[in-house]
Protein backbone atom coordinates (compact mmCIF):
# COMPACT_ATOMS: atom_id res chain seq x y z
CA UNK A 1 -84.49 99.68 6.95
CA UNK A 2 -88.42 100.50 5.63
CA UNK A 3 -89.10 99.61 2.27
CA UNK A 4 -88.99 104.12 0.80
CA UNK A 5 -85.39 103.68 3.07
CA UNK A 6 -84.34 101.02 0.71
CA UNK A 7 -85.34 102.72 -2.48
CA UNK A 8 -83.73 105.83 -1.63
CA UNK A 9 -80.52 103.71 -1.27
CA UNK A 10 -80.34 101.66 -4.20
CA UNK A 11 -80.69 105.16 -6.00
CA UNK A 12 -78.01 106.63 -4.35
CA UNK A 13 -76.03 103.79 -5.13
CA UNK A 14 -76.81 103.37 -8.67
CA UNK A 15 -75.99 107.56 -9.16
CA UNK A 16 -73.03 107.20 -7.37
CA UNK A 17 -70.78 107.83 -10.14
CA UNK A 18 -72.85 111.18 -10.74
CA UNK A 19 -72.89 110.79 -14.62
CA UNK A 20 -73.06 113.96 -16.07
CA UNK A 21 -76.19 114.87 -17.72
CA UNK A 22 -76.25 115.79 -21.61
CA UNK A 23 -77.14 118.72 -22.54
CA UNK A 24 -80.52 119.02 -24.62
CA UNK A 25 -81.11 121.63 -26.92
CA UNK A 26 -84.58 122.64 -27.12
CA UNK A 27 -85.33 124.48 -30.56
CA UNK A 28 -89.12 125.00 -29.61
CA UNK A 29 -90.49 128.49 -29.93
CA UNK A 30 -90.71 129.73 -26.60
CA UNK A 31 -93.22 133.00 -27.19
CA UNK A 32 -95.59 133.47 -29.66
CA UNK A 33 -95.21 137.17 -30.75
CA UNK A 34 -98.91 137.94 -30.59
CA UNK A 35 -100.68 140.77 -28.78
CA UNK A 36 -103.52 140.41 -26.47
CA UNK A 37 -106.26 141.06 -28.52
CA UNK A 38 -104.60 138.68 -31.15
CA UNK A 39 -104.70 136.05 -28.40
CA UNK A 40 -107.95 136.32 -27.33
CA UNK A 41 -109.37 135.67 -31.21
CA UNK A 42 -107.48 132.44 -31.45
CA UNK A 43 -108.66 131.02 -28.12
CA UNK A 44 -111.99 131.81 -29.57
CA UNK A 45 -111.42 129.98 -32.85
CA UNK A 46 -109.93 127.17 -30.49
CA UNK A 47 -112.89 126.84 -27.81
CA UNK A 48 -115.51 127.07 -30.87
CA UNK A 49 -113.90 124.17 -32.81
CA UNK A 50 -114.28 122.29 -29.55
CA UNK A 51 -117.91 122.84 -29.74
CA UNK A 52 -117.93 125.11 -26.10
CA UNK A 53 -119.73 128.08 -25.57
CA UNK A 54 -117.51 131.31 -26.02
CA UNK A 55 -118.62 135.09 -25.25
CA UNK A 56 -116.45 137.88 -24.60
CA UNK A 57 -117.58 140.80 -22.62
CA UNK A 58 -115.88 143.44 -20.77
CA UNK A 59 -116.67 143.92 -16.41
CA UNK A 60 -120.41 145.59 -17.08
CA UNK A 61 -121.63 142.30 -18.97
CA UNK A 62 -120.20 139.66 -16.74
CA UNK A 63 -122.61 139.42 -14.31
CA UNK A 64 -125.62 139.58 -16.98
CA UNK A 65 -124.25 136.91 -18.77
CA UNK A 66 -123.06 134.89 -16.17
CA UNK A 67 -126.89 135.02 -14.88
CA UNK A 68 -127.71 133.94 -18.72
CA UNK A 69 -126.09 130.97 -18.85
CA UNK A 70 -127.21 129.87 -15.23
CA UNK A 71 -131.31 130.44 -15.87
CA UNK A 72 -132.14 127.03 -16.20
CA UNK A 73 -130.17 126.02 -13.80
CA UNK A 74 -132.43 124.70 -10.01
CA UNK A 75 -129.04 125.09 -8.66
CA UNK A 76 -125.69 125.71 -9.13
CA UNK A 77 -121.92 125.32 -6.90
CA UNK A 78 -119.53 127.82 -6.72
CA UNK A 79 -115.46 127.66 -5.10
CA UNK A 80 -115.46 129.83 -1.45
CA UNK A 81 -113.20 132.47 -3.32
CA UNK A 82 -115.30 133.59 -6.26
CA UNK A 83 -116.37 137.18 -6.68
CA UNK A 84 -119.07 136.93 -5.17
CA UNK A 85 -120.02 140.54 -8.15
CA UNK A 86 -120.08 138.00 -10.63
CA UNK A 87 -123.19 135.93 -9.32
CA UNK A 88 -125.03 139.46 -8.10
CA UNK A 89 -127.15 139.48 -11.44
CA UNK A 90 -128.30 134.83 -10.66
CA UNK A 91 -129.00 136.05 -7.07
CA UNK A 92 -131.06 138.60 -8.01
CA UNK A 93 -133.21 136.72 -10.40
CA UNK A 94 -133.25 133.40 -8.52
CA UNK A 95 -132.75 133.43 -5.22
CA UNK A 96 -131.57 130.37 -3.02
CA UNK A 97 -129.86 128.41 -5.55
CA UNK A 98 -126.26 128.82 -5.10
CA UNK A 99 -124.50 126.35 -3.23
CA UNK A 100 -121.28 127.26 -1.92
CA UNK A 101 -118.17 124.78 -1.78
CA UNK A 102 -115.14 124.75 1.32
CA UNK A 103 -112.44 122.83 1.96
CA UNK A 104 -113.67 123.20 5.63
CA UNK A 105 -117.55 121.74 4.37
CA UNK A 106 -116.39 120.09 0.72
CA UNK A 107 -120.05 119.47 -0.84
CA UNK A 108 -120.01 115.17 -1.74
CA UNK A 109 -119.96 113.44 -4.68
CA UNK A 110 -123.78 113.04 -4.51
CA UNK A 111 -124.11 116.41 -3.93
CA UNK A 112 -122.06 118.14 -7.32
CA UNK A 113 -123.78 115.49 -9.15
CA UNK A 114 -127.22 116.68 -7.87
CA UNK A 115 -126.61 120.47 -8.57
CA UNK A 116 -126.99 121.41 -12.81
CA UNK A 117 -123.87 124.05 -12.92
CA UNK A 118 -120.74 125.40 -11.86
CA UNK A 119 -118.93 129.16 -11.31
CA UNK A 120 -115.07 128.94 -11.45
CA UNK A 121 -112.45 131.28 -12.19
CA UNK A 122 -109.18 129.80 -13.99
CA UNK A 123 -105.23 129.69 -13.72
CA UNK A 124 -104.00 130.72 -17.67
CA UNK A 125 -105.02 129.61 -20.44
CA UNK A 126 -103.73 128.73 -24.34
CA UNK A 127 -104.87 130.84 -27.04
CA UNK A 128 -102.72 128.17 -29.33
CA UNK A 129 -104.73 125.13 -28.18
CA UNK A 130 -108.01 126.20 -26.41
CA UNK A 131 -106.48 125.20 -23.19
CA UNK A 132 -108.15 125.93 -19.55
CA UNK A 133 -105.73 125.82 -16.46
CA UNK A 134 -107.25 125.38 -13.25
CA UNK A 135 -105.02 125.65 -10.91
CA UNK A 136 -107.02 125.23 -6.92
CA UNK A 137 -106.74 128.60 -6.17
CA UNK A 138 -109.63 129.65 -4.02
CA UNK A 139 -111.56 131.20 -7.15
CA UNK A 140 -111.62 127.95 -8.72
CA UNK A 141 -112.10 125.34 -5.74
CA UNK A 142 -111.24 121.95 -5.52
CA UNK A 143 -110.94 119.78 -8.98
CA UNK A 144 -114.08 117.39 -8.09
CA UNK A 145 -116.72 120.96 -9.02
CA UNK A 146 -115.13 121.42 -12.09
CA UNK A 147 -115.58 117.29 -13.35
CA UNK A 148 -118.82 115.95 -11.77
CA UNK A 149 -121.48 119.01 -12.93
CA UNK A 150 -122.94 118.91 -15.81
CA UNK A 151 -122.34 122.27 -17.10
CA UNK A 152 -119.17 123.93 -16.01
CA UNK A 153 -119.74 128.05 -16.53
CA UNK A 154 -115.86 129.27 -16.35
CA UNK A 155 -114.01 132.84 -16.10
CA UNK A 156 -111.14 133.52 -18.24
CA UNK A 157 -109.27 136.84 -18.01
CA UNK A 158 -108.30 138.33 -21.15
CA UNK A 159 -104.75 139.18 -19.27
CA UNK A 160 -104.74 135.31 -18.18
CA UNK A 161 -104.52 134.29 -21.41
CA UNK A 162 -101.18 133.48 -22.51
CA UNK A 163 -99.87 132.49 -26.85
CA UNK A 164 -98.31 129.59 -26.68
CA UNK A 165 -97.86 126.32 -23.58
CA UNK A 166 -94.10 127.78 -23.08
CA UNK A 167 -95.81 131.40 -22.01
CA UNK A 168 -98.54 129.55 -20.32
CA UNK A 169 -96.04 127.07 -18.37
CA UNK A 170 -93.87 129.80 -16.94
CA UNK A 171 -97.34 131.16 -14.68
CA UNK A 172 -97.78 128.15 -13.05
CA UNK A 173 -97.15 126.72 -10.50
CA UNK A 174 -96.35 123.03 -11.18
CA UNK A 175 -96.76 121.83 -7.29
CA UNK A 176 -100.24 123.14 -7.73
CA UNK A 177 -103.42 120.71 -9.03
CA UNK A 178 -103.77 121.65 -11.90
CA UNK A 179 -106.70 121.13 -14.47
CA UNK A 180 -106.50 121.26 -18.25
CA UNK A 181 -109.48 121.22 -20.02
CA UNK A 182 -110.01 121.53 -23.73
CA UNK A 183 -114.11 122.01 -24.28
CA UNK A 184 -116.30 119.50 -23.05
CA UNK A 185 -115.75 116.49 -21.94
CA UNK A 186 -115.58 113.87 -25.07
CA UNK A 187 -114.69 110.78 -26.45
CA UNK A 188 -114.59 108.23 -29.03
CA UNK A 189 -114.70 104.38 -29.44
CA UNK A 190 -113.21 102.73 -31.80
CA UNK A 191 -115.68 103.58 -35.41
CA UNK A 192 -114.91 106.91 -34.19
CA UNK A 193 -118.70 107.95 -32.61
CA UNK A 194 -118.29 111.06 -30.50
CA UNK A 195 -119.55 110.59 -27.08
CA UNK A 196 -119.47 113.78 -24.52
CA UNK A 197 -119.70 113.64 -21.00
CA UNK A 198 -117.86 110.91 -19.78
CA UNK A 199 -115.47 112.05 -17.80
CA UNK A 200 -116.62 115.25 -17.43
CA UNK A 201 -119.10 118.41 -17.88
CA UNK A 202 -120.94 117.71 -21.23
CA UNK A 203 -121.03 121.97 -21.73
CA UNK A 204 -118.44 124.29 -20.89
CA UNK A 205 -119.32 127.78 -20.99
CA UNK A 206 -115.81 130.29 -21.51
CA UNK A 207 -116.96 133.72 -20.62
CA UNK A 208 -113.25 135.96 -21.72
CA UNK A 209 -113.02 138.99 -19.17
CA UNK A 210 -111.50 141.68 -20.60
CA UNK A 211 -109.41 143.93 -18.47
């Protein structure tokens, strides 16, 4: 019998009497009651409080804003599923800077560390907590590309903004690799000295796309 089989057999033995599962009351809020504009404004407020850069644009303003944020970057990486139209202005301004990360040919950690920025989409955002969630979809890529480069530019569609966490969780597939982002990477030592960039990008710019 393998170690796995032994563990499973012990679990079956411990649960042989099939004890009833107690009812757990859940009285927390399940709906925020906020309309779309209120969700946008609340998310902006929280992100600014976290020291993230925030811009709200329409479709026509998205590519120019991304180009503006990438103006100082010598190179940047994008997941293979990102909408190429979002990068049209950045490519026109300075072609040849884009690196594409694919599952077949992923960039190494050293290669990711050498690029200045990353541009991704997002799965869901939580307005109340200022949290942006990536789920590894083709337009978001694997977790490493959003953690290694020093500058993360993240596009959040306005219809992907949930008011509170329970609303966001209902939109997510819990079997996917989820990355939860609340502002730029930061931590504090015992004297409460804030240090940024310890375990992720020092700079986070969020572009909220009205849709």
